[in-house]
Amino acid sequence: MTLCILGQEKTESNLRLLEEAKKRFDSVFFVPIESIGVGLNKDFSITYRTSDLLKFKAVLPRIPRRFYSYAYQLLSLFPADAFMAIPPIAFLLASERFFLLTVLRKRGIPTLNLYLARSVMAATRILESVQFPVVIRVPAQKTGVTVKSITEAKSITEALGSLQQPVLIEDLIKDMVSVYVARPDVVAAVKKVTREQDVIFAQGTLKSQRLGIEVRHLALEVAEAIDTQIMRVDISLNKEPRVVNIELNPGLMEPSRVTGINIPEKIIQSFYQNYKTNLEKPILMKFFEDAKSVVKDVLKKK
């Protein structure tokens, strides 16, 4: 069995995944995404040097957030029977945080309150109905400003409005855990400790975190909702567990050191077992799954 790991570079996390994968797969191929050539000629082609990447039946994407849109386009070209730890649609959903949380909310998963405004007037109306403090940020930026009153908030949104920038207005998260999922298991969890008020994207130190059943269940629900095997789910513990964000390409070494858990090993173990299970599916079961997919497509067209 062969595995293709798609990533930007051989980071410490990717190298550890590579080491663990070599213990289970017959061969492992790491492909830097910058060196991939994609062709739309008579047939689709995805090549790296002289290698045809479409021949791989097991694919583990390790693609950074800034390339999520490209990841969706690239992975969508692989054959339907290629086994992926993260499907193309997950990258499309996660490429824009507001879109991601609206999709999760529609699927019955609790998320933090988040508002998107594309004008100062719209932002002002939203601010008149929220409970302070809140965080205001530009969707494309991680840095946010914590405001404690509507007067402060209006001055920030007016400044952003003059730059013709949309704004996100969201709950201030004070207590958040990051949960590492390798389905069907939650393999580790950490809590970020920081002096900054905007804890979501702030720098900080990590501490190992024990999880209750409710939080573990919520993390697995998120993974199932976007059909993803491997991910990090950030969950607010304020009052009740709510999803704050997800990361499809999380760093693995710092949380491994903090928790004492070899997260790369757990990820590869999960991926390998799920891949084997997929290969061992009875032919008849695969036939019915394919037939079910065709019926869905037909119904969509009507």
Protein backbone atom coordinates (compact mmCIF):
# COMPACT_ATOMS: atom_id res chain seq x y z
CA MET A 1 0.00 0.00 0.00
CA THR A 2 1.26 3.48 -0.89
CA LEU A 3 0.46 6.86 0.60
CA CYS A 4 0.81 10.35 -0.86
CA ILE A 5 1.20 13.23 1.61
CA LEU A 6 0.48 16.61 0.01
CA GLY A 7 2.00 19.58 1.82
CA GLN A 8 3.73 22.89 1.37
CA GLU A 9 6.98 21.96 3.05
CA LYS A 10 8.59 19.39 5.31
CA THR A 11 7.79 20.98 8.66
CA GLU A 12 8.54 19.15 11.90
CA SER A 13 4.92 17.95 12.01
CA ASN A 14 5.03 16.71 8.42
CA LEU A 15 8.34 14.93 8.95
CA ARG A 16 6.93 13.09 11.95
CA LEU A 17 3.85 12.09 9.97
CA LEU A 18 6.18 10.85 7.25
CA GLU A 19 8.16 8.76 9.75
CA GLU A 20 5.03 7.24 11.26
CA ALA A 21 3.53 6.51 7.83
CA LYS A 22 6.65 4.60 6.75
CA LYS A 23 6.02 2.16 9.61
CA ARG A 24 2.65 1.15 8.16
CA PHE A 25 2.64 1.78 4.42
CA ASP A 26 4.83 0.01 1.87
CA SER A 27 5.90 3.36 0.46
CA VAL A 28 5.21 7.00 1.30
CA PHE A 29 5.57 9.89 -1.13
CA PHE A 30 5.75 13.51 0.13
CA VAL A 31 4.77 16.02 -2.57
CA PRO A 32 5.29 19.80 -2.16
CA ILE A 33 2.19 21.47 -3.59
CA GLU A 34 4.23 24.30 -5.19
CA SER A 35 5.85 21.73 -7.49
CA ILE A 36 2.64 20.12 -8.72
CA GLY A 37 1.50 20.57 -12.30
CA VAL A 38 -2.24 20.40 -13.02
CA GLY A 39 -3.47 19.80 -16.55
CA LEU A 40 -6.92 20.14 -18.10
CA ASN A 41 -6.32 18.64 -21.53
CA LYS A 42 -8.02 15.62 -23.03
CA ASP A 43 -7.81 14.07 -19.56
CA PHE A 44 -7.13 15.58 -16.16
CA SER A 45 -3.55 15.28 -14.99
CA ILE A 46 -1.77 15.98 -11.71
CA THR A 47 1.96 15.46 -11.89
CA TYR A 48 5.03 15.94 -9.74
CA ARG A 49 8.25 15.67 -11.74
CA THR A 50 7.65 12.47 -13.72
CA SER A 51 5.10 11.00 -11.29
CA ASP A 52 1.37 10.74 -11.96
CA LEU A 53 -0.28 11.61 -8.64
CA LEU A 54 -3.70 10.38 -9.76
CA LYS A 55 -2.44 6.82 -9.35
CA PHE A 56 -2.39 7.16 -5.57
CA LYS A 57 -5.37 5.62 -3.79
CA ALA A 58 -4.49 7.02 -0.35
CA VAL A 59 -3.99 10.78 0.07
CA LEU A 60 -3.22 12.71 3.25
CA PRO A 61 -3.50 16.49 2.64
CA ARG A 62 -1.35 18.74 4.83
CA ILE A 63 -2.18 21.99 3.07
CA PRO A 64 -1.91 25.40 4.83
CA ARG A 65 -4.96 27.63 5.20
CA ARG A 66 -3.85 30.18 2.61
CA PHE A 67 -3.99 27.39 0.01
CA TYR A 68 -7.42 26.01 1.01
CA SER A 69 -9.11 27.21 -2.19
CA TYR A 70 -6.36 25.60 -4.25
CA ALA A 71 -6.64 22.44 -2.15
CA TYR A 72 -10.32 22.16 -3.06
CA GLN A 73 -9.57 22.51 -6.77
CA LEU A 74 -6.62 20.11 -6.67
CA LEU A 75 -8.20 17.33 -4.61
CA SER A 76 -11.45 17.48 -6.58
CA LEU A 77 -9.58 16.14 -9.62
CA PHE A 78 -8.63 12.88 -7.93
CA PRO A 79 -10.72 9.80 -8.80
CA ALA A 80 -13.76 9.14 -6.63
CA ASP A 81 -12.19 5.97 -5.22
CA ALA A 82 -9.12 7.82 -3.90
CA PHE A 83 -9.21 7.61 -0.09
CA MET A 84 -8.60 11.01 1.55
CA ALA A 85 -8.25 11.97 5.19
CA ILE A 86 -9.81 15.34 4.34
CA PRO A 87 -12.24 15.60 1.40
CA PRO A 88 -12.10 18.54 -1.03
CA ILE A 89 -15.36 20.05 0.23
CA ALA A 90 -13.92 20.43 3.74
CA PHE A 91 -11.25 22.81 2.42
CA LEU A 92 -13.90 24.84 0.61
CA LEU A 93 -15.98 25.13 3.78
CA ALA A 94 -13.02 26.01 5.98
CA SER A 95 -11.59 28.62 3.60
CA GLU A 96 -13.89 31.29 5.06
CA ARG A 97 -14.69 31.13 8.77
CA PHE A 98 -18.10 32.81 8.68
CA PHE A 99 -19.24 30.43 5.93
CA LEU A 100 -17.93 27.44 7.89
CA LEU A 101 -19.78 28.36 11.07
CA THR A 102 -23.03 29.05 9.22
CA VAL A 103 -22.83 25.58 7.64
CA LEU A 104 -22.18 23.98 11.03
CA ARG A 105 -25.04 25.93 12.61
CA LYS A 106 -27.38 24.74 9.83
CA ARG A 107 -26.35 21.18 10.67
CA GLY A 108 -27.39 21.60 14.27
CA ILE A 109 -23.95 22.20 15.76
CA PRO A 110 -23.66 25.02 18.34
CA THR A 111 -21.22 27.78 17.35
CA LEU A 112 -20.24 31.13 18.80
CA ASN A 113 -22.33 34.11 17.74
CA LEU A 114 -20.77 35.72 14.69
CA TYR A 115 -21.97 38.58 12.47
CA LEU A 116 -20.73 39.74 9.08
CA ALA A 117 -21.31 43.31 7.88
CA ARG A 118 -20.21 44.90 4.62
CA SER A 119 -21.08 48.49 5.45
CA VAL A 120 -20.82 50.83 8.44
CA MET A 121 -24.61 51.13 8.51
CA ALA A 122 -25.09 47.36 8.70
CA ALA A 123 -22.38 47.04 11.37
CA THR A 124 -24.00 49.79 13.48
CA ARG A 125 -27.36 48.01 13.44
CA ILE A 126 -25.69 44.79 14.57
CA LEU A 127 -23.77 46.55 17.35
CA GLU A 128 -26.99 47.97 18.76
CA SER A 129 -28.23 44.43 19.47
CA VAL A 130 -25.13 42.62 20.78
CA GLN A 131 -23.88 42.13 24.30
CA PHE A 132 -20.48 43.70 24.99
CA PRO A 133 -17.59 43.04 25.06
CA VAL A 134 -17.18 41.79 21.48
CA VAL A 135 -14.28 41.30 19.08
CA ILE A 136 -14.18 43.11 15.74
CA ARG A 137 -11.92 41.86 12.96
CA VAL A 138 -11.54 41.86 9.20
CA PRO A 139 -12.35 38.37 7.80
CA ALA A 140 -8.97 38.06 6.08
CA GLN A 141 -7.04 38.98 9.24
CA LYS A 142 -6.52 37.06 12.46
CA THR A 143 -5.88 40.16 14.57
CA GLY A 144 -9.01 41.42 16.29
CA VAL A 145 -9.87 44.41 18.48
CA THR A 146 -11.77 43.87 21.72
CA VAL A 147 -14.32 46.60 22.40
CA LYS A 148 -16.33 47.12 25.57
CA SER A 149 -18.91 49.69 24.45
CA ILE A 150 -20.89 50.68 21.40
CA THR A 151 -18.98 53.97 21.22
CA GLU A 152 -15.66 52.14 20.88
CA ALA A 153 -17.18 49.68 18.44
CA LYS A 154 -18.58 52.38 16.14
CA SER A 155 -15.23 54.13 15.88
CA ILE A 156 -13.55 50.86 14.87
CA THR A 157 -16.19 49.97 12.27
CA GLU A 158 -16.12 53.49 10.81
CA ALA A 159 -12.35 53.23 10.40
CA LEU A 160 -12.71 49.89 8.65
CA GLY A 161 -15.56 51.28 6.57
CA SER A 162 -13.33 54.06 5.26
CA LEU A 163 -10.99 51.32 4.05
CA GLN A 164 -13.95 49.60 2.37
CA GLN A 165 -13.42 46.47 4.44
CA PRO A 166 -16.16 44.07 5.62
CA VAL A 167 -16.08 43.30 9.34
CA LEU A 168 -16.76 40.36 11.61
CA ILE A 169 -18.35 41.01 14.99
CA GLU A 170 -18.13 38.06 17.34
CA ASP A 171 -18.39 36.94 20.94
CA LEU A 172 -15.35 37.47 23.14
CA ILE A 173 -14.04 33.99 23.98
CA LYS A 174 -12.37 33.70 27.37
CA ASP A 175 -12.07 29.96 27.78
CA MET A 176 -11.20 27.81 24.75
CA VAL A 177 -9.81 24.33 24.17
CA SER A 178 -8.29 22.90 21.01
CA VAL A 179 -9.32 19.30 20.35
CA TYR A 180 -7.34 17.04 18.00
CA VAL A 181 -9.53 14.54 16.18
CA ALA A 182 -8.46 11.42 14.30
CA ARG A 183 -11.76 9.69 13.69
CA PRO A 184 -13.25 7.79 15.28
CA ASP A 185 -11.32 9.14 18.27
CA VAL A 186 -10.42 12.33 20.05
CA VAL A 187 -6.68 11.86 20.54
CA ALA A 188 -5.61 14.94 22.53
CA ALA A 189 -6.70 18.34 23.79
CA VAL A 190 -4.90 21.48 24.90
CA LYS A 191 -5.88 24.82 26.37
CA LYS A 192 -4.21 28.06 25.31
CA VAL A 193 -3.04 30.42 28.05
CA THR A 194 -2.50 34.00 26.90
CA ARG A 195 -2.57 37.53 28.27
CA GLU A 196 -4.30 38.79 25.16
CA GLN A 197 -8.06 39.27 25.27
CA ASP A 198 -8.66 37.82 21.78
CA VAL A 199 -7.72 34.24 22.64
CA ILE A 200 -8.83 32.66 19.35
CA PHE A 201 -5.83 33.62 17.23
CA ALA A 202 -3.52 34.97 19.94
CA GLN A 203 -0.08 33.62 20.69
CA GLY A 204 0.16 31.79 23.98
CA THR A 205 1.38 28.73 25.82
CA LEU A 206 -0.41 25.40 25.69
CA LYS A 207 -1.43 23.22 28.59
CA SER A 208 -2.83 19.70 28.48
CA GLN A 209 -6.60 19.62 28.95
CA ARG A 210 -8.93 16.87 30.09
CA LEU A 211 -12.26 16.85 28.29
CA GLY A 212 -15.76 16.03 29.38
CA ILE A 213 -18.01 13.75 27.35
CA GLU A 214 -20.01 16.69 25.94
CA VAL A 215 -16.96 18.42 24.44
CA ARG A 216 -15.54 15.17 23.03
CA HIS A 217 -18.88 14.39 21.44
CA LEU A 218 -19.13 17.89 19.94
CA ALA A 219 -15.65 17.62 18.38
CA LEU A 220 -16.56 14.32 16.72
CA GLU A 221 -19.88 15.78 15.54
CA VAL A 222 -18.00 18.58 13.77
CA ALA A 223 -15.69 16.11 12.03
CA GLU A 224 -18.67 14.04 10.93
CA ALA A 225 -20.59 17.13 9.75
CA ILE A 226 -17.90 17.95 7.18
CA ASP A 227 -16.87 14.32 6.62
CA THR A 228 -13.32 14.87 7.82
CA GLN A 229 -11.13 12.33 9.57
CA ILE A 230 -8.34 14.59 10.79
CA MET A 231 -8.69 18.09 12.17
CA ARG A 232 -8.34 20.41 15.12
CA VAL A 233 -11.55 21.84 16.52
CA ASP A 234 -11.44 24.96 18.71
CA ILE A 235 -14.29 24.95 21.21
CA SER A 236 -15.42 27.67 23.61
CA LEU A 237 -16.28 26.50 27.12
CA ASN A 238 -18.07 29.74 28.08
CA LYS A 239 -21.41 28.62 29.57
CA GLU A 240 -21.85 25.80 27.03
CA PRO A 241 -19.54 24.16 24.46
CA ARG A 242 -19.64 26.01 21.13
CA VAL A 243 -17.46 25.70 18.03
CA VAL A 244 -15.16 28.67 17.41
CA ASN A 245 -12.99 27.51 14.52
CA ILE A 246 -11.44 24.48 12.84
CA GLU A 247 -7.96 23.89 11.45
CA LEU A 248 -7.34 21.24 8.80
CA ASN A 249 -3.56 21.58 8.92
CA PRO A 250 -2.72 22.00 12.61
CA GLY A 251 0.74 21.96 14.09
CA LEU A 252 1.22 18.67 15.90
CA MET A 253 4.52 18.79 17.76
CA GLU A 254 3.85 21.37 20.49
CA PRO A 255 0.56 19.74 21.57
CA SER A 256 2.32 16.34 21.44
CA ARG A 257 5.04 17.59 23.80
CA VAL A 258 2.53 19.23 26.14
CA THR A 259 0.17 16.26 26.38
CA GLY A 260 2.75 13.48 26.16
CA ILE A 261 0.71 11.96 23.33
CA ASN A 262 2.29 11.15 19.97
CA ILE A 263 -0.38 12.86 17.87
CA PRO A 264 1.29 12.10 14.49
CA GLU A 265 1.32 8.40 15.41
CA LYS A 266 -2.37 8.53 16.35
CA ILE A 267 -3.24 10.28 13.09
CA ILE A 268 -1.41 7.77 10.90
CA GLN A 269 -2.82 4.87 12.89
CA SER A 270 -6.36 6.19 12.36
CA PHE A 271 -5.77 6.91 8.67
CA TYR A 272 -4.24 3.50 8.02
CA GLN A 273 -7.05 1.64 9.76
CA ASN A 274 -9.77 3.63 8.00
CA TYR A 275 -8.04 3.08 4.66
CA LYS A 276 -7.84 -0.68 5.27
CA THR A 277 -11.50 -0.78 6.25
CA ASN A 278 -12.41 1.05 3.07
CA LEU A 279 -10.41 -1.43 0.97
CA GLU A 280 -12.08 -4.37 2.67
CA LYS A 281 -15.62 -3.20 2.00
CA PRO A 282 -17.55 -5.93 0.22
CA ILE A 283 -17.98 -5.27 -3.49
CA LEU A 284 -21.75 -5.39 -3.10
CA MET A 285 -21.67 -2.66 -0.43
CA LYS A 286 -19.57 -0.43 -2.70
CA PHE A 287 -22.06 -1.06 -5.52
CA PHE A 288 -24.97 0.12 -3.36
CA GLU A 289 -23.01 3.17 -2.20
CA ASP A 290 -22.27 4.10 -5.82
CA ALA A 291 -25.92 3.55 -6.76
CA LYS A 292 -27.04 5.73 -3.88
CA SER A 293 -24.69 8.49 -5.03
CA VAL A 294 -26.06 8.30 -8.59
CA VAL A 295 -29.64 8.56 -7.33
CA LYS A 296 -28.72 11.67 -5.33
CA ASP A 297 -27.17 13.29 -8.40
CA VAL A 298 -30.26 12.50 -10.49
CA LEU A 299 -32.60 13.95 -7.87
CA LYS A 300 -30.52 17.13 -7.68
CA LYS A 301 -30.92 17.67 -11.42
CA LYS A 302 -34.71 17.43 -11.31
